[in-house]
PDB file of N, CA and C in Angstrom:
ATOM      1  N   MET A   1     -10.896   3.672  -8.478  1.00  0.00           N
ATOM      2  CA  MET A   1     -10.155   3.375  -7.272  1.00  0.00           C
ATOM      3  C   MET A   1     -10.499   1.953  -6.842  1.00  0.00           C
ATOM      4  N   SER A   2      -9.541   1.259  -6.266  1.00  0.00           N
ATOM      5  CA  SER A   2      -9.733  -0.121  -5.824  1.00  0.00           C
ATOM      6  C   SER A   2     -10.721  -0.219  -4.686  1.00  0.00           C
ATOM      7  N   THR A   3     -11.560  -1.243  -4.750  1.00  0.00           N
ATOM      8  CA  THR A   3     -12.486  -1.519  -3.659  1.00  0.00           C
ATOM      9  C   THR A   3     -11.835  -2.487  -2.681  1.00  0.00           C
ATOM     10  N   ASP A   4     -12.458  -2.657  -1.533  1.00  0.00           N
ATOM     11  CA  ASP A   4     -11.978  -3.642  -0.578  1.00  0.00           C
ATOM     12  C   ASP A   4     -11.970  -5.033  -1.217  1.00  0.00           C
ATOM     13  N   ALA A   5     -12.990  -5.341  -2.013  1.00  0.00           N
ATOM     14  CA  ALA A   5     -13.059  -6.644  -2.691  1.00  0.00           C
ATOM     15  C   ALA A   5     -11.899  -6.813  -3.680  1.00  0.00           C
ATOM     16  N   ASP A   6     -11.533  -5.741  -4.402  1.00  0.00           N
ATOM     17  CA  ASP A   6     -10.380  -5.795  -5.312  1.00  0.00           C
ATOM     18  C   ASP A   6      -9.110  -6.148  -4.549  1.00  0.00           C
ATOM     19  N   TRP A   7      -8.900  -5.474  -3.422  1.00  0.00           N
ATOM     20  CA  TRP A   7      -7.707  -5.728  -2.612  1.00  0.00           C
ATOM     21  C   TRP A   7      -7.698  -7.144  -2.056  1.00  0.00           C
ATOM     22  N   THR A   8      -8.851  -7.606  -1.571  1.00  0.00           N
ATOM     23  CA  THR A   8      -8.944  -8.953  -1.012  1.00  0.00           C
ATOM     24  C   THR A   8      -8.586  -9.995  -2.070  1.00  0.00           C
ATOM     25  N   THR A   9      -9.102  -9.813  -3.279  1.00  0.00           N
ATOM     26  CA  THR A   9      -8.801 -10.739  -4.379  1.00  0.00           C
ATOM     27  C   THR A   9      -7.323 -10.703  -4.736  1.00  0.00           C
ATOM     28  N   LEU A  10      -6.746  -9.510  -4.868  1.00  0.00           N
ATOM     29  CA  LEU A  10      -5.336  -9.372  -5.231  1.00  0.00           C
ATOM     30  C   LEU A  10      -4.428  -9.993  -4.177  1.00  0.00           C
ATOM     31  N   VAL A  11      -4.677  -9.678  -2.923  1.00  0.00           N
ATOM     32  CA  VAL A  11      -3.833 -10.193  -1.841  1.00  0.00           C
ATOM     33  C   VAL A  11      -3.929 -11.720  -1.759  1.00  0.00           C
ATOM     34  N   ALA A  12      -5.117 -12.268  -1.913  1.00  0.00           N
ATOM     35  CA  ALA A  12      -5.288 -13.726  -1.898  1.00  0.00           C
ATOM     36  C   ALA A  12      -4.535 -14.367  -3.062  1.00  0.00           C
ATOM     37  N   TYR A  13      -4.637 -13.775  -4.244  1.00  0.00           N
ATOM     38  CA  TYR A  13      -3.943 -14.284  -5.428  1.00  0.00           C
ATOM     39  C   TYR A  13      -2.429 -14.300  -5.215  1.00  0.00           C
ATOM     40  N   LEU A  14      -1.922 -13.321  -4.493  1.00  0.00           N
ATOM     41  CA  LEU A  14      -0.480 -13.217  -4.245  1.00  0.00           C
ATOM     42  C   LEU A  14      -0.014 -14.009  -3.027  1.00  0.00           C
ATOM     43  N   GLY A  15      -0.885 -14.814  -2.445  1.00  0.00           N
ATOM     44  CA  GLY A  15      -0.460 -15.704  -1.368  1.00  0.00           C
ATOM     45  C   GLY A  15      -0.841 -15.270   0.025  1.00  0.00           C
ATOM     46  N   GLY A  16      -1.634 -14.219   0.168  1.00  0.00           N
ATOM     47  CA  GLY A  16      -2.096 -13.782   1.475  1.00  0.00           C
ATOM     48  C   GLY A  16      -1.342 -12.582   2.020  1.00  0.00           C
ATOM     49  N   ASP A  17      -1.882 -12.049   3.122  1.00  0.00           N
ATOM     50  CA  ASP A  17      -1.356 -10.825   3.736  1.00  0.00           C
ATOM     51  C   ASP A  17       0.127 -10.910   4.102  1.00  0.00           C
ATOM     52  N   SER A  18       0.581 -12.090   4.525  1.00  0.00           N
ATOM     53  CA  SER A  18       1.940 -12.197   5.071  1.00  0.00           C
ATOM     54  C   SER A  18       3.045 -12.034   4.029  1.00  0.00           C
ATOM     55  N   SER A  19       2.748 -12.261   2.741  1.00  0.00           N
ATOM     56  CA  SER A  19       3.804 -12.145   1.732  1.00  0.00           C
ATOM     57  C   SER A  19       3.436 -11.273   0.535  1.00  0.00           C
ATOM     58  N   ALA A  20       2.185 -10.897   0.398  1.00  0.00           N
ATOM     59  CA  ALA A  20       1.744 -10.153  -0.788  1.00  0.00           C
ATOM     60  C   ALA A  20       2.426  -8.799  -0.919  1.00  0.00           C
ATOM     61  N   GLY A  21       2.757  -8.161   0.199  1.00  0.00           N
ATOM     62  CA  GLY A  21       3.414  -6.861   0.137  1.00  0.00           C
ATOM     63  C   GLY A  21       4.733  -6.902  -0.606  1.00  0.00           C
ATOM     64  N   GLY A  22       5.522  -7.926  -0.334  1.00  0.00           N
ATOM     65  CA  GLY A  22       6.797  -8.088  -1.026  1.00  0.00           C
ATOM     66  C   GLY A  22       6.617  -8.294  -2.517  1.00  0.00           C
ATOM     67  N   LYS A  23       5.569  -9.002  -2.882  1.00  0.00           N
ATOM     68  CA  LYS A  23       5.293  -9.269  -4.288  1.00  0.00           C
ATOM     69  C   LYS A  23       4.749  -8.039  -5.007  1.00  0.00           C
ATOM     70  N   LEU A  24       4.273  -7.057  -4.250  1.00  0.00           N
ATOM     71  CA  LEU A  24       3.768  -5.808  -4.823  1.00  0.00           C
ATOM     72  C   LEU A  24       4.829  -4.713  -4.884  1.00  0.00           C
ATOM     73  N   LYS A  25       5.821  -4.760  -3.976  1.00  0.00           N
ATOM     74  CA  LYS A  25       6.782  -3.658  -3.853  1.00  0.00           C
ATOM     75  C   LYS A  25       7.840  -3.664  -4.950  1.00  0.00           C
ATOM     76  N   GLU A  26       8.179  -2.471  -5.418  1.00  0.00           N
ATOM     77  CA  GLU A  26       9.344  -2.303  -6.286  1.00  0.00           C
ATOM     78  C   GLU A  26      10.521  -2.979  -5.596  1.00  0.00           C
ATOM     79  N   SER A  27      11.298  -3.763  -6.337  1.00  0.00           N
ATOM     80  CA  SER A  27      12.342  -4.577  -5.705  1.00  0.00           C
ATOM     81  C   SER A  27      13.696  -3.885  -5.569  1.00  0.00           C
ATOM     82  N   SER A  28      13.817  -2.675  -6.009  1.00  0.00           N
ATOM     83  CA  SER A  28      15.103  -1.974  -5.912  1.00  0.00           C
ATOM     84  C   SER A  28      15.089  -0.995  -4.736  1.00  0.00           C
ATOM     85  N   PHE A  29      16.199  -0.285  -4.609  1.00  0.00           N
ATOM     86  CA  PHE A  29      16.295   0.769  -3.601  1.00  0.00           C
ATOM     87  C   PHE A  29      16.232   2.148  -4.262  1.00  0.00           C
ATOM     88  N   THR A  30      15.737   2.199  -5.486  1.00  0.00           N
ATOM     89  CA  THR A  30      15.600   3.472  -6.182  1.00  0.00           C
ATOM     90  C   THR A  30      14.698   4.420  -5.400  1.00  0.00           C
ATOM     91  N   HIS A  31      13.603   3.888  -4.856  1.00  0.00           N
ATOM     92  CA  HIS A  31      12.664   4.698  -4.091  1.00  0.00           C
ATOM     93  C   HIS A  31      12.525   4.248  -2.651  1.00  0.00           C
ATOM     94  N   TRP A  32      12.761   2.955  -2.396  1.00  0.00           N
ATOM     95  CA  TRP A  32      12.618   2.401  -1.042  1.00  0.00           C
ATOM     96  C   TRP A  32      13.898   2.554  -0.247  1.00  0.00           C
ATOM     97  N   HIS A  33      13.762   2.857   1.043  1.00  0.00           N
ATOM     98  CA  HIS A  33      14.913   2.864   1.939  1.00  0.00           C
ATOM     99  C   HIS A  33      15.277   1.426   2.297  1.00  0.00           C
ATOM    100  N   ASP A  34      16.529   1.202   2.583  1.00  0.00           N
ATOM    101  CA  ASP A  34      17.049  -0.090   2.998  1.00  0.00           C
ATOM    102  C   ASP A  34      16.632  -0.356   4.446  1.00  0.00           C
ATOM    103  N   PRO A  35      16.125  -1.533   4.799  1.00  0.00           N
ATOM    104  CA  PRO A  35      15.940  -2.704   3.942  1.00  0.00           C
ATOM    105  C   PRO A  35      14.591  -2.639   3.237  1.00  0.00           C
ATOM    106  N   ASN A  36      14.502  -3.294   2.131  1.00  0.00           N
ATOM    107  CA  ASN A  36      13.232  -3.418   1.415  1.00  0.00           C
ATOM    108  C   ASN A  36      12.818  -4.886   1.533  1.00  0.00           C
ATOM    109  N   THR A  37      12.469  -5.292   2.725  1.00  0.00           N
ATOM    110  CA  THR A  37      12.269  -6.679   3.108  1.00  0.00           C
ATOM    111  C   THR A  37      11.229  -7.387   2.238  1.00  0.00           C
ATOM    112  N   GLY A  38      11.644  -8.514   1.676  1.00  0.00           N
ATOM    113  CA  GLY A  38      10.747  -9.369   0.909  1.00  0.00           C
ATOM    114  C   GLY A  38      10.358  -8.860  -0.457  1.00  0.00           C
ATOM    115  N   ALA A  39      10.900  -7.728  -0.890  1.00  0.00           N
ATOM    116  CA  ALA A  39      10.486  -7.112  -2.159  1.00  0.00           C
ATOM    117  C   ALA A  39      10.982  -7.923  -3.351  1.00  0.00           C
ATOM    118  N   THR A  40      10.028  -8.423  -4.139  1.00  0.00           N
ATOM    119  CA  THR A  40      10.348  -9.155  -5.371  1.00  0.00           C
ATOM    120  C   THR A  40       9.644  -8.562  -6.583  1.00  0.00           C
ATOM    121  N   ASN A  41       8.584  -7.829  -6.366  1.00  0.00           N
ATOM    122  CA  ASN A  41       7.744  -7.264  -7.422  1.00  0.00           C
ATOM    123  C   ASN A  41       7.260  -8.337  -8.404  1.00  0.00           C
ATOM    124  N   GLU A  42       7.049  -9.553  -7.906  1.00  0.00           N
ATOM    125  CA  GLU A  42       6.551 -10.640  -8.756  1.00  0.00           C
ATOM    126  C   GLU A  42       5.253 -10.277  -9.462  1.00  0.00           C
ATOM    127  N   SER A  43       4.486  -9.402  -8.886  1.00  0.00           N
ATOM    128  CA  SER A  43       3.193  -9.006  -9.458  1.00  0.00           C
ATOM    129  C   SER A  43       3.350  -8.029 -10.619  1.00  0.00           C
ATOM    130  N   GLY A  44       4.488  -7.339 -10.690  1.00  0.00           N
ATOM    131  CA  GLY A  44       4.679  -6.293 -11.686  1.00  0.00           C
ATOM    132  C   GLY A  44       4.013  -4.974 -11.312  1.00  0.00           C
ATOM    133  N   PHE A  45       3.477  -4.885 -10.110  1.00  0.00           N
ATOM    134  CA  PHE A  45       2.772  -3.684  -9.657  1.00  0.00           C
ATOM    135  C   PHE A  45       3.721  -2.528  -9.342  1.00  0.00           C
ATOM    136  N   SER A  46       4.889  -2.811  -8.818  1.00  0.00           N
ATOM    137  CA  SER A  46       5.906  -1.807  -8.469  1.00  0.00           C
ATOM    138  C   SER A  46       5.412  -0.774  -7.461  1.00  0.00           C
ATOM    139  N   ALA A  47       4.835  -1.255  -6.346  1.00  0.00           N
ATOM    140  CA  ALA A  47       4.366  -0.346  -5.291  1.00  0.00           C
ATOM    141  C   ALA A  47       5.510   0.536  -4.816  1.00  0.00           C
ATOM    142  N   LEU A  48       5.223   1.813  -4.667  1.00  0.00           N
ATOM    143  CA  LEU A  48       6.225   2.794  -4.271  1.00  0.00           C
ATOM    144  C   LEU A  48       5.900   3.386  -2.904  1.00  0.00           C
ATOM    145  N   PRO A  49       6.932   3.831  -2.185  1.00  0.00           N
ATOM    146  CA  PRO A  49       6.757   4.394  -0.849  1.00  0.00           C
ATOM    147  C   PRO A  49       6.476   5.887  -0.886  1.00  0.00           C
ATOM    148  N   GLY A  50       5.260   6.245  -1.277  1.00  0.00           N
ATOM    149  CA  GLY A  50       4.899   7.655  -1.395  1.00  0.00           C
ATOM    150  C   GLY A  50       4.644   8.355  -0.075  1.00  0.00           C
ATOM    151  N   GLY A  51       4.667   7.588   1.026  1.00  0.00           N
ATOM    152  CA  GLY A  51       4.415   8.185   2.326  1.00  0.00           C
ATOM    153  C   GLY A  51       2.973   8.636   2.457  1.00  0.00           C
ATOM    154  N   MET A  52       2.761   9.619   3.316  1.00  0.00           N
ATOM    155  CA  MET A  52       1.430  10.187   3.517  1.00  0.00           C
ATOM    156  C   MET A  52       1.561  11.671   3.804  1.00  0.00           C
ATOM    157  N   ARG A  53       0.444  12.380   3.658  1.00  0.00           N
ATOM    158  CA  ARG A  53       0.448  13.806   3.930  1.00  0.00           C
ATOM    159  C   ARG A  53      -0.608  14.126   4.977  1.00  0.00           C
ATOM    160  N   PHE A  54      -0.178  14.834   5.997  1.00  0.00           N
ATOM    161  CA  PHE A  54      -1.079  15.421   6.981  1.00  0.00           C
ATOM    162  C   PHE A  54      -0.313  16.561   7.636  1.00  0.00           C
ATOM    163  N   ASN A  55      -0.563  17.757   7.202  1.00  0.00           N
ATOM    164  CA  ASN A  55       0.164  18.970   7.613  1.00  0.00           C
ATOM    165  C   ASN A  55       1.612  18.985   7.137  1.00  0.00           C
ATOM    166  N   ALA A  56       2.153  17.830   6.809  1.00  0.00           N
ATOM    167  CA  ALA A  56       3.502  17.695   6.267  1.00  0.00           C
ATOM    168  C   ALA A  56       3.561  16.326   5.595  1.00  0.00           C
ATOM    169  N   PHE A  57       4.634  16.036   4.882  1.00  0.00           N
ATOM    170  CA  PHE A  57       4.798  14.721   4.272  1.00  0.00           C
ATOM    171  C   PHE A  57       5.602  13.840   5.223  1.00  0.00           C
ATOM    172  N   TRP A  58       5.122  12.614   5.431  1.00  0.00           N
ATOM    173  CA  TRP A  58       5.758  11.671   6.360  1.00  0.00           C
ATOM    174  C   TRP A  58       6.088  10.367   5.651  1.00  0.00           C
ATOM    175  N   ASN A  59       7.115   9.718   6.092  1.00  0.00           N
ATOM    176  CA  ASN A  59       7.449   8.336   5.732  1.00  0.00           C
ATOM    177  C   ASN A  59       7.712   8.089   4.252  1.00  0.00           C
ATOM    178  N   ILE A  60       8.084   9.110   3.502  1.00  0.00           N
ATOM    179  CA  ILE A  60       8.449   8.897   2.107  1.00  0.00           C
ATOM    180  C   ILE A  60       9.716   8.039   2.097  1.00  0.00           C
ATOM    181  N   GLY A  61       9.690   6.968   1.352  1.00  0.00           N
ATOM    182  CA  GLY A  61      10.812   6.043   1.279  1.00  0.00           C
ATOM    183  C   GLY A  61      10.637   4.807   2.144  1.00  0.00           C
ATOM    184  N   THR A  62       9.691   4.856   3.091  1.00  0.00           N
ATOM    185  CA  THR A  62       9.496   3.710   3.988  1.00  0.00           C
ATOM    186  C   THR A  62       8.076   3.177   4.001  1.00  0.00           C
ATOM    187  N   TYR A  63       7.097   3.939   3.507  1.00  0.00           N
ATOM    188  CA  TYR A  63       5.686   3.578   3.643  1.00  0.00           C
ATOM    189  C   TYR A  63       4.930   3.883   2.360  1.00  0.00           C
ATOM    190  N   GLY A  64       4.150   2.914   1.902  1.00  0.00           N
ATOM    191  CA  GLY A  64       3.282   3.122   0.756  1.00  0.00           C
ATOM    192  C   GLY A  64       1.854   2.787   1.126  1.00  0.00           C
ATOM    193  N   GLY A  65       1.008   3.793   1.270  1.00  0.00           N
ATOM    194  CA  GLY A  65      -0.398   3.594   1.617  1.00  0.00           C
ATOM    195  C   GLY A  65      -1.287   3.870   0.423  1.00  0.00           C
ATOM    196  N   LEU A  66      -2.299   3.016   0.237  1.00  0.00           N
ATOM    197  CA  LEU A  66      -3.220   3.149  -0.887  1.00  0.00           C
ATOM    198  C   LEU A  66      -4.656   3.060  -0.363  1.00  0.00           C
ATOM    199  N   TRP A  67      -5.453   4.073  -0.656  1.00  0.00           N
ATOM    200  CA  TRP A  67      -6.839   4.106  -0.194  1.00  0.00           C
ATOM    201  C   TRP A  67      -7.655   2.974  -0.805  1.00  0.00           C
ATOM    202  N   SER A  68      -8.653   2.507  -0.053  1.00  0.00           N
ATOM    203  CA  SER A  68      -9.660   1.565  -0.553  1.00  0.00           C
ATOM    204  C   SER A  68     -10.977   2.307  -0.660  1.00  0.00           C
ATOM    205  N   TYR A  69     -11.784   1.915  -1.613  1.00  0.00           N
ATOM    206  CA  TYR A  69     -13.114   2.459  -1.765  1.00  0.00           C
ATOM    207  C   TYR A  69     -14.072   1.468  -1.101  1.00  0.00           C
ATOM    208  N   PRO A  70     -15.138   1.825  -0.438  1.00  0.00           N
ATOM    209  CA  PRO A  70     -16.151   2.756  -0.870  1.00  0.00           C
ATOM    210  C   PRO A  70     -16.176   4.096  -0.192  1.00  0.00           C
ATOM    211  N   GLY A  71     -15.293   4.454   0.660  1.00  0.00           N
ATOM    212  CA  GLY A  71     -15.351   5.817   1.155  1.00  0.00           C
ATOM    213  C   GLY A  71     -15.383   5.935   2.655  1.00  0.00           C
ATOM    214  N   SER A  72     -15.753   7.104   3.085  1.00  0.00           N
ATOM    215  CA  SER A  72     -15.629   7.515   4.472  1.00  0.00           C
ATOM    216  C   SER A  72     -16.593   6.792   5.410  1.00  0.00           C
ATOM    217  N   LYS A  73     -16.043   6.426   6.555  1.00  0.00           N
ATOM    218  CA  LYS A  73     -16.827   5.866   7.650  1.00  0.00           C
ATOM    219  C   LYS A  73     -16.514   6.710   8.873  1.00  0.00           C
ATOM    220  N   ASN A  74     -17.392   7.649   9.192  1.00  0.00           N
ATOM    221  CA  ASN A  74     -17.174   8.546  10.328  1.00  0.00           C
ATOM    222  C   ASN A  74     -15.871   9.327  10.205  1.00  0.00           C
ATOM    223  N   GLY A  75     -15.537   9.739   8.991  1.00  0.00           N
ATOM    224  CA  GLY A  75     -14.343  10.546   8.773  1.00  0.00           C
ATOM    225  C   GLY A  75     -13.063   9.749   8.625  1.00  0.00           C
ATOM    226  N   PHE A  76     -13.156   8.417   8.588  1.00  0.00           N
ATOM    227  CA  PHE A  76     -11.980   7.569   8.420  1.00  0.00           C
ATOM    228  C   PHE A  76     -12.123   6.720   7.162  1.00  0.00           C
ATOM    229  N   GLU A  77     -10.994   6.456   6.531  1.00  0.00           N
ATOM    230  CA  GLU A  77     -10.955   5.668   5.304  1.00  0.00           C
ATOM    231  C   GLU A  77     -10.069   4.449   5.525  1.00  0.00           C
ATOM    232  N   GLU A  78     -10.407   3.360   4.838  1.00  0.00           N
ATOM    233  CA  GLU A  78      -9.565   2.170   4.896  1.00  0.00           C
ATOM    234  C   GLU A  78      -8.404   2.322   3.931  1.00  0.00           C
ATOM    235  N   CYS A  79      -7.257   1.860   4.359  1.00  0.00           N
ATOM    236  CA  CYS A  79      -6.035   1.974   3.574  1.00  0.00           C
ATOM    237  C   CYS A  79      -5.287   0.641   3.624  1.00  0.00           C
ATOM    238  N   ARG A  80      -4.801   0.198   2.474  1.00  0.00           N
ATOM    239  CA  ARG A  80      -3.870  -0.934   2.427  1.00  0.00           C
ATOM    240  C   ARG A  80      -2.481  -0.307   2.391  1.00  0.00           C
ATOM    241  N   PHE A  81      -1.517  -0.943   3.060  1.00  0.00           N
ATOM    242  CA  PHE A  81      -0.183  -0.350   3.067  1.00  0.00           C
ATOM    243  C   PHE A  81       0.907  -1.407   3.040  1.00  0.00           C
ATOM    244  N   VAL A  82       2.071  -0.994   2.532  1.00  0.00           N
ATOM    245  CA  VAL A  82       3.296  -1.787   2.560  1.00  0.00           C
ATOM    246  C   VAL A  82       4.391  -0.899   3.143  1.00  0.00           C
ATOM    247  N   ILE A  83       5.340  -1.528   3.843  1.00  0.00           N
ATOM    248  CA  ILE A  83       6.448  -0.785   4.438  1.00  0.00           C
ATOM    249  C   ILE A  83       7.775  -1.451   4.084  1.00  0.00           C
ATOM    250  N   ASN A  84       8.843  -0.721   4.248  1.00  0.00           N
ATOM    251  CA  ASN A  84      10.151  -1.219   3.829  1.00  0.00           C
ATOM    252  C   ASN A  84      10.699  -2.342   4.699  1.00  0.00           C
ATOM    253  N   THR A  85      10.225  -2.498   5.916  1.00  0.00           N
ATOM    254  CA  THR A  85      10.786  -3.496   6.829  1.00  0.00           C
ATOM    255  C   THR A  85       9.966  -4.771   6.926  1.00  0.00           C
ATOM    256  N   ASP A  86       8.977  -4.960   6.037  1.00  0.00           N
ATOM    257  CA  ASP A  86       8.074  -6.104   6.169  1.00  0.00           C
ATOM    258  C   ASP A  86       7.512  -6.505   4.803  1.00  0.00           C
ATOM    259  N   PRO A  87       7.356  -7.816   4.537  1.00  0.00           N
ATOM    260  CA  PRO A  87       6.768  -8.255   3.271  1.00  0.00           C
ATOM    261  C   PRO A  87       5.241  -8.309   3.290  1.00  0.00           C
ATOM    262  N   LYS A  88       4.611  -7.883   4.369  1.00  0.00           N
ATOM    263  CA  LYS A  88       3.162  -7.989   4.516  1.00  0.00           C
ATOM    264  C   LYS A  88       2.425  -6.846   3.824  1.00  0.00           C
ATOM    265  N   VAL A  89       1.120  -7.070   3.614  1.00  0.00           N
ATOM    266  CA  VAL A  89       0.189  -6.002   3.268  1.00  0.00           C
ATOM    267  C   VAL A  89      -0.650  -5.783   4.514  1.00  0.00           C
ATOM    268  N   GLY A  90      -0.697  -4.557   5.008  1.00  0.00           N
ATOM    269  CA  GLY A  90      -1.477  -4.240   6.187  1.00  0.00           C
ATOM    270  C   GLY A  90      -2.731  -3.462   5.829  1.00  0.00           C
ATOM    271  N   VAL A  91      -3.644  -3.389   6.790  1.00  0.00           N
ATOM    272  CA  VAL A  91      -4.887  -2.642   6.628  1.00  0.00           C
ATOM    273  C   VAL A  91      -5.064  -1.752   7.850  1.00  0.00           C
ATOM    274  N   LEU A  92      -5.271  -0.460   7.621  1.00  0.00           N
ATOM    275  CA  LEU A  92      -5.532   0.494   8.702  1.00  0.00           C
ATOM    276  C   LEU A  92      -6.620   1.460   8.258  1.00  0.00           C
ATOM    277  N   ASN A  93      -7.200   2.141   9.222  1.00  0.00           N
ATOM    278  CA  ASN A  93      -8.125   3.233   8.942  1.00  0.00           C
ATOM    279  C   ASN A  93      -7.445   4.538   9.323  1.00  0.00           C
ATOM    280  N   TYR A  94      -7.453   5.477   8.390  1.00  0.00           N
ATOM    281  CA  TYR A  94      -6.835   6.776   8.622  1.00  0.00           C
ATOM    282  C   TYR A  94      -7.882   7.873   8.481  1.00  0.00           C
ATOM    283  N   ASN A  95      -7.604   8.985   9.101  1.00  0.00           N
ATOM    284  CA  ASN A  95      -8.433  10.167   8.942  1.00  0.00           C
ATOM    285  C   ASN A  95      -8.505  10.513   7.466  1.00  0.00           C
ATOM    286  N   SER A  96      -9.704  10.804   6.982  1.00  0.00           N
ATOM    287  CA  SER A  96      -9.881  11.055   5.550  1.00  0.00           C
ATOM    288  C   SER A  96      -9.193  12.323   5.070  1.00  0.00           C
ATOM    289  N   SER A  97      -8.655  13.137   5.972  1.00  0.00           N
ATOM    290  CA  SER A  97      -7.918  14.324   5.545  1.00  0.00           C
ATOM    291  C   SER A  97      -6.457  14.010   5.226  1.00  0.00           C
ATOM    292  N   PHE A  98      -6.002  12.799   5.520  1.00  0.00           N
ATOM    293  CA  PHE A  98      -4.642  12.388   5.165  1.00  0.00           C
ATOM    294  C   PHE A  98      -4.539  12.244   3.649  1.00  0.00           C
ATOM    295  N   GLY A  99      -3.378  12.506   3.104  1.00  0.00           N
ATOM    296  CA  GLY A  99      -3.132  12.279   1.688  1.00  0.00           C
ATOM    297  C   GLY A  99      -2.427  10.954   1.497  1.00  0.00           C
ATOM    298  N   MET A 100      -2.994  10.104   0.653  1.00  0.00           N
ATOM    299  CA  MET A 100      -2.412   8.798   0.330  1.00  0.00           C
ATOM    300  C   MET A 100      -2.509   8.578  -1.168  1.00  0.00           C
ATOM    301  N   SER A 101      -1.849   7.548  -1.629  1.00  0.00           N
ATOM    302  CA  SER A 101      -1.935   7.155  -3.034  1.00  0.00           C
ATOM    303  C   SER A 101      -3.215   6.369  -3.276  1.00  0.00           C
ATOM    304  N   ILE A 102      -3.539   6.156  -4.553  1.00  0.00           N
ATOM    305  CA  ILE A 102      -4.663   5.305  -4.923  1.00  0.00           C
ATOM    306  C   ILE A 102      -4.196   4.291  -5.960  1.00  0.00           C
ATOM    307  N   ARG A 103      -4.903   3.190  -6.036  1.00  0.00           N
ATOM    308  CA  ARG A 103      -4.641   2.169  -7.065  1.00  0.00           C
ATOM    309  C   ARG A 103      -5.845   2.186  -7.998  1.00  0.00           C
ATOM    310  N   CYS A 104      -5.618   2.474  -9.256  1.00  0.00           N
ATOM    311  CA  CYS A 104      -6.700   2.488 -10.235  1.00  0.00           C
ATOM    312  C   CYS A 104      -6.864   1.088 -10.824  1.00  0.00           C
ATOM    313  N   VAL A 105      -8.110   0.710 -11.090  1.00  0.00           N
ATOM    314  CA  VAL A 105      -8.423  -0.586 -11.667  1.00  0.00           C
ATOM    315  C   VAL A 105      -9.190  -0.364 -12.954  1.00  0.00           C
ATOM    316  N   LYS A 106      -8.707  -0.965 -14.041  1.00  0.00           N
ATOM    317  CA  LYS A 106      -9.387  -0.844 -15.331  1.00  0.00           C
ATOM    318  C   LYS A 106     -10.406  -1.966 -15.425  1.00  0.00           C
ATOM    319  N   ASN A 107     -11.653  -1.613 -15.680  1.00  0.00           N
ATOM    320  CA  ASN A 107     -12.715  -2.617 -15.846  1.00  0.00           C
ATOM    321  C   ASN A 107     -12.709  -3.169 -17.258  1.00  0.00           C
TER     322      ASN A 107
END
């Protein structure tokens, strides 16, 4: 699973928080709801809007959240996310019982 340092390096390489999300997102509307603002997939990552799970599935088609490692801090986890209406990569802390996607990194 990606560490905070992995995410920081990737986002910096892609030009920073304000535009990296667009460079990570799948550029079509196959999975993303319209608009898919700034989506170019220049990175080849093809981030998808898997939404999140907490008692039900939410935001499928509009939100792609990916957990960061090293793990729980008082029951909350750090998450990097992209949304359909913005080219940014955001950072939030969510309850660790939420279901999110992960980004695997090959060493």
